[in-house]
Amino acid sequence: MSLEIRHLRLIEAIAEEGNVTRAGGRLFLTQSALSHQLRDAEQKLGTPLFVRLNKRMILTPAGQRVLDSARLILGELRQAER
């Protein structure tokens, strides 16, 4: 398993935007590209991170744990870049 920064960013964006289309716009990715990256992250972790309800994306408990870690890591990265 090896998540990349891009995976953490997309998990954060989907969680905050609530759907793949808006998250894709925020990350300048197509919906298809974002869906592929999310599927890749879920395969690497061996668990779903979101439950898909219509067009809404709801975090699973595992997804919430990854999001919590992603926010810490991305916050540290942003601080280091400043």
N, C-alpha and C. Protein backbone atom coordinates (compact mmCIF):
# COMPACT_ATOMS: atom_id res chain seq x y z
N MET A 1 0.84 -1.17 0.00
CA MET A 1 0.00 0.00 0.00
C MET A 1 0.89 1.24 0.00
N SER A 2 0.61 2.13 -0.91
CA SER A 2 1.35 3.39 -0.92
C SER A 2 0.46 4.49 -1.48
N LEU A 3 -0.20 5.19 -0.58
CA LEU A 3 -1.00 6.33 -0.99
C LEU A 3 -0.07 7.47 -1.35
N GLU A 4 -0.52 8.28 -2.27
CA GLU A 4 0.25 9.43 -2.70
C GLU A 4 -0.47 10.70 -2.26
N ILE A 5 0.24 11.80 -2.29
CA ILE A 5 -0.33 13.10 -1.92
C ILE A 5 -1.59 13.36 -2.75
N ARG A 6 -1.58 13.00 -4.01
CA ARG A 6 -2.75 13.24 -4.86
C ARG A 6 -3.97 12.51 -4.33
N HIS A 7 -3.77 11.31 -3.76
CA HIS A 7 -4.88 10.57 -3.18
C HIS A 7 -5.46 11.32 -1.97
N LEU A 8 -4.56 11.85 -1.15
CA LEU A 8 -5.01 12.58 0.03
C LEU A 8 -5.78 13.84 -0.37
N ARG A 9 -5.29 14.52 -1.38
CA ARG A 9 -5.96 15.74 -1.85
C ARG A 9 -7.34 15.42 -2.42
N LEU A 10 -7.44 14.32 -3.16
CA LEU A 10 -8.75 14.01 -3.74
C LEU A 10 -9.74 13.56 -2.68
N ILE A 11 -9.29 12.83 -1.67
CA ILE A 11 -10.18 12.42 -0.59
C ILE A 11 -10.69 13.65 0.15
N GLU A 12 -9.80 14.59 0.42
CA GLU A 12 -10.19 15.83 1.09
C GLU A 12 -11.19 16.61 0.22
N ALA A 13 -10.91 16.72 -1.06
CA ALA A 13 -11.79 17.49 -1.96
C ALA A 13 -13.16 16.84 -2.08
N ILE A 14 -13.21 15.53 -2.24
CA ILE A 14 -14.52 14.86 -2.36
C ILE A 14 -15.31 15.02 -1.07
N ALA A 15 -14.66 14.84 0.06
CA ALA A 15 -15.35 14.97 1.34
C ALA A 15 -15.90 16.38 1.53
N GLU A 16 -15.13 17.38 1.16
CA GLU A 16 -15.56 18.76 1.36
C GLU A 16 -16.58 19.22 0.32
N GLU A 17 -16.45 18.75 -0.90
CA GLU A 17 -17.37 19.17 -1.97
C GLU A 17 -18.64 18.32 -2.01
N GLY A 18 -18.55 17.09 -1.53
CA GLY A 18 -19.73 16.24 -1.47
C GLY A 18 -20.03 15.43 -2.71
N ASN A 19 -19.35 15.74 -3.81
CA ASN A 19 -19.52 14.91 -5.00
C ASN A 19 -18.29 14.98 -5.89
N VAL A 20 -18.20 14.02 -6.78
CA VAL A 20 -17.01 13.87 -7.61
C VAL A 20 -16.88 15.00 -8.63
N THR A 21 -17.99 15.45 -9.18
CA THR A 21 -17.93 16.50 -10.21
C THR A 21 -17.33 17.79 -9.64
N ARG A 22 -17.85 18.25 -8.51
CA ARG A 22 -17.32 19.49 -7.91
C ARG A 22 -15.88 19.31 -7.44
N ALA A 23 -15.58 18.14 -6.89
CA ALA A 23 -14.20 17.88 -6.45
C ALA A 23 -13.26 17.89 -7.65
N GLY A 24 -13.71 17.33 -8.77
CA GLY A 24 -12.90 17.34 -9.98
C GLY A 24 -12.61 18.76 -10.45
N GLY A 25 -13.62 19.61 -10.40
CA GLY A 25 -13.42 21.02 -10.78
C GLY A 25 -12.42 21.71 -9.87
N ARG A 26 -12.50 21.42 -8.60
CA ARG A 26 -11.58 22.01 -7.62
C ARG A 26 -10.14 21.57 -7.86
N LEU A 27 -9.98 20.30 -8.29
CA LEU A 27 -8.64 19.75 -8.51
C LEU A 27 -8.19 19.82 -9.96
N PHE A 28 -9.03 20.41 -10.81
CA PHE A 28 -8.75 20.51 -12.25
C PHE A 28 -8.56 19.14 -12.88
N LEU A 29 -9.45 18.21 -12.49
CA LEU A 29 -9.46 16.86 -13.05
C LEU A 29 -10.85 16.57 -13.60
N THR A 30 -10.92 15.72 -14.60
CA THR A 30 -12.23 15.30 -15.08
C THR A 30 -12.84 14.36 -14.05
N GLN A 31 -14.15 14.20 -14.13
CA GLN A 31 -14.83 13.28 -13.23
C GLN A 31 -14.27 11.88 -13.40
N SER A 32 -14.00 11.50 -14.63
CA SER A 32 -13.47 10.17 -14.91
C SER A 32 -12.09 9.97 -14.27
N ALA A 33 -11.22 10.94 -14.41
CA ALA A 33 -9.87 10.84 -13.83
C ALA A 33 -9.95 10.76 -12.31
N LEU A 34 -10.81 11.57 -11.73
CA LEU A 34 -10.95 11.56 -10.27
C LEU A 34 -11.51 10.22 -9.80
N SER A 35 -12.49 9.69 -10.51
CA SER A 35 -13.06 8.39 -10.15
C SER A 35 -12.02 7.29 -10.22
N HIS A 36 -11.17 7.33 -11.24
CA HIS A 36 -10.10 6.34 -11.37
C HIS A 36 -9.11 6.45 -10.21
N GLN A 37 -8.75 7.67 -9.84
CA GLN A 37 -7.81 7.86 -8.73
C GLN A 37 -8.42 7.41 -7.41
N LEU A 38 -9.72 7.68 -7.23
CA LEU A 38 -10.38 7.23 -6.00
C LEU A 38 -10.42 5.70 -5.96
N ARG A 39 -10.75 5.08 -7.06
CA ARG A 39 -10.76 3.61 -7.12
C ARG A 39 -9.38 3.06 -6.81
N ASP A 40 -8.33 3.71 -7.31
CA ASP A 40 -6.96 3.29 -7.04
C ASP A 40 -6.66 3.38 -5.54
N ALA A 41 -7.04 4.48 -4.90
CA ALA A 41 -6.81 4.64 -3.46
C ALA A 41 -7.56 3.57 -2.68
N GLU A 42 -8.80 3.33 -3.05
CA GLU A 42 -9.60 2.31 -2.36
C GLU A 42 -9.00 0.92 -2.53
N GLN A 43 -8.48 0.64 -3.71
CA GLN A 43 -7.84 -0.67 -3.95
C GLN A 43 -6.56 -0.80 -3.13
N LYS A 44 -5.79 0.26 -3.06
CA LYS A 44 -4.55 0.22 -2.28
C LYS A 44 -4.83 -0.02 -0.80
N LEU A 45 -5.92 0.57 -0.31
CA LEU A 45 -6.27 0.43 1.10
C LEU A 45 -7.11 -0.83 1.37
N GLY A 46 -7.70 -1.36 0.32
CA GLY A 46 -8.49 -2.57 0.47
C GLY A 46 -9.84 -2.34 1.13
N THR A 47 -10.35 -1.11 1.04
CA THR A 47 -11.65 -0.80 1.64
C THR A 47 -12.26 0.41 0.95
N PRO A 48 -13.59 0.46 0.88
CA PRO A 48 -14.22 1.66 0.31
C PRO A 48 -14.05 2.86 1.26
N LEU A 49 -13.84 4.01 0.68
CA LEU A 49 -13.68 5.24 1.46
C LEU A 49 -14.95 6.08 1.46
N PHE A 50 -15.79 5.87 0.46
CA PHE A 50 -17.04 6.60 0.33
C PHE A 50 -18.16 5.63 -0.03
N VAL A 51 -19.36 5.97 0.41
CA VAL A 51 -20.57 5.31 -0.05
C VAL A 51 -21.19 6.27 -1.05
N ARG A 52 -21.54 5.76 -2.20
CA ARG A 52 -22.10 6.60 -3.24
C ARG A 52 -23.63 6.54 -3.16
N LEU A 53 -24.24 7.65 -2.83
CA LEU A 53 -25.70 7.76 -2.76
C LEU A 53 -26.14 8.79 -3.78
N ASN A 54 -26.70 8.30 -4.89
CA ASN A 54 -27.02 9.15 -6.03
C ASN A 54 -25.73 9.84 -6.46
N LYS A 55 -25.70 11.14 -6.45
CA LYS A 55 -24.47 11.86 -6.82
C LYS A 55 -23.68 12.30 -5.59
N ARG A 56 -24.18 11.99 -4.42
CA ARG A 56 -23.55 12.41 -3.16
C ARG A 56 -22.56 11.35 -2.69
N MET A 57 -21.44 11.80 -2.18
CA MET A 57 -20.40 10.90 -1.66
C MET A 57 -20.35 11.07 -0.14
N ILE A 58 -20.59 9.96 0.57
CA ILE A 58 -20.61 9.96 2.03
C ILE A 58 -19.43 9.13 2.52
N LEU A 59 -18.66 9.68 3.43
CA LEU A 59 -17.49 8.97 3.96
C LEU A 59 -17.90 7.71 4.73
N THR A 60 -17.15 6.65 4.53
CA THR A 60 -17.28 5.46 5.37
C THR A 60 -16.44 5.72 6.63
N PRO A 61 -16.55 4.88 7.66
CA PRO A 61 -15.67 5.06 8.82
C PRO A 61 -14.18 5.03 8.43
N ALA A 62 -13.81 4.14 7.52
CA ALA A 62 -12.41 4.09 7.06
C ALA A 62 -12.06 5.38 6.33
N GLY A 63 -13.00 5.87 5.52
CA GLY A 63 -12.78 7.13 4.80
C GLY A 63 -12.58 8.29 5.75
N GLN A 64 -13.33 8.31 6.84
CA GLN A 64 -13.17 9.38 7.82
C GLN A 64 -11.79 9.33 8.47
N ARG A 65 -11.31 8.13 8.76
CA ARG A 65 -9.97 8.00 9.35
C ARG A 65 -8.90 8.49 8.37
N VAL A 66 -9.06 8.13 7.09
CA VAL A 66 -8.10 8.58 6.09
C VAL A 66 -8.19 10.09 5.92
N LEU A 67 -9.40 10.63 5.91
CA LEU A 67 -9.57 12.08 5.79
C LEU A 67 -8.91 12.81 6.96
N ASP A 68 -9.09 12.32 8.16
CA ASP A 68 -8.46 12.95 9.33
C ASP A 68 -6.94 12.98 9.17
N SER A 69 -6.37 11.88 8.73
CA SER A 69 -4.92 11.83 8.51
C SER A 69 -4.52 12.73 7.36
N ALA A 70 -5.31 12.73 6.29
CA ALA A 70 -5.01 13.56 5.12
C ALA A 70 -4.96 15.03 5.51
N ARG A 71 -5.91 15.46 6.32
CA ARG A 71 -5.93 16.87 6.73
C ARG A 71 -4.68 17.25 7.53
N LEU A 72 -4.25 16.35 8.41
CA LEU A 72 -3.02 16.61 9.17
C LEU A 72 -1.82 16.68 8.24
N ILE A 73 -1.69 15.70 7.37
CA ILE A 73 -0.54 15.63 6.47
C ILE A 73 -0.53 16.81 5.51
N LEU A 74 -1.68 17.09 4.90
CA LEU A 74 -1.74 18.20 3.94
C LEU A 74 -1.53 19.54 4.62
N GLY A 75 -2.00 19.68 5.85
CA GLY A 75 -1.74 20.90 6.61
C GLY A 75 -0.25 21.10 6.86
N GLU A 76 0.41 20.03 7.25
CA GLU A 76 1.87 20.10 7.47
C GLU A 76 2.60 20.41 6.16
N LEU A 77 2.15 19.81 5.08
CA LEU A 77 2.77 20.05 3.78
C LEU A 77 2.59 21.51 3.36
N ARG A 78 1.40 22.04 3.54
CA ARG A 78 1.15 23.45 3.18
C ARG A 78 2.03 24.38 4.03
N GLN A 79 2.15 24.05 5.29
CA GLN A 79 3.00 24.86 6.17
C GLN A 79 4.45 24.81 5.73
N ALA A 80 4.93 23.63 5.38
CA ALA A 80 6.31 23.47 4.93
C ALA A 80 6.55 24.25 3.63
N GLU A 81 5.56 24.26 2.76
CA GLU A 81 5.71 24.97 1.48
C GLU A 81 5.75 26.47 1.68
N ARG A 82 5.06 26.95 2.72
CA ARG A 82 5.08 28.41 3.00
C ARG A 82 6.45 28.81 3.48
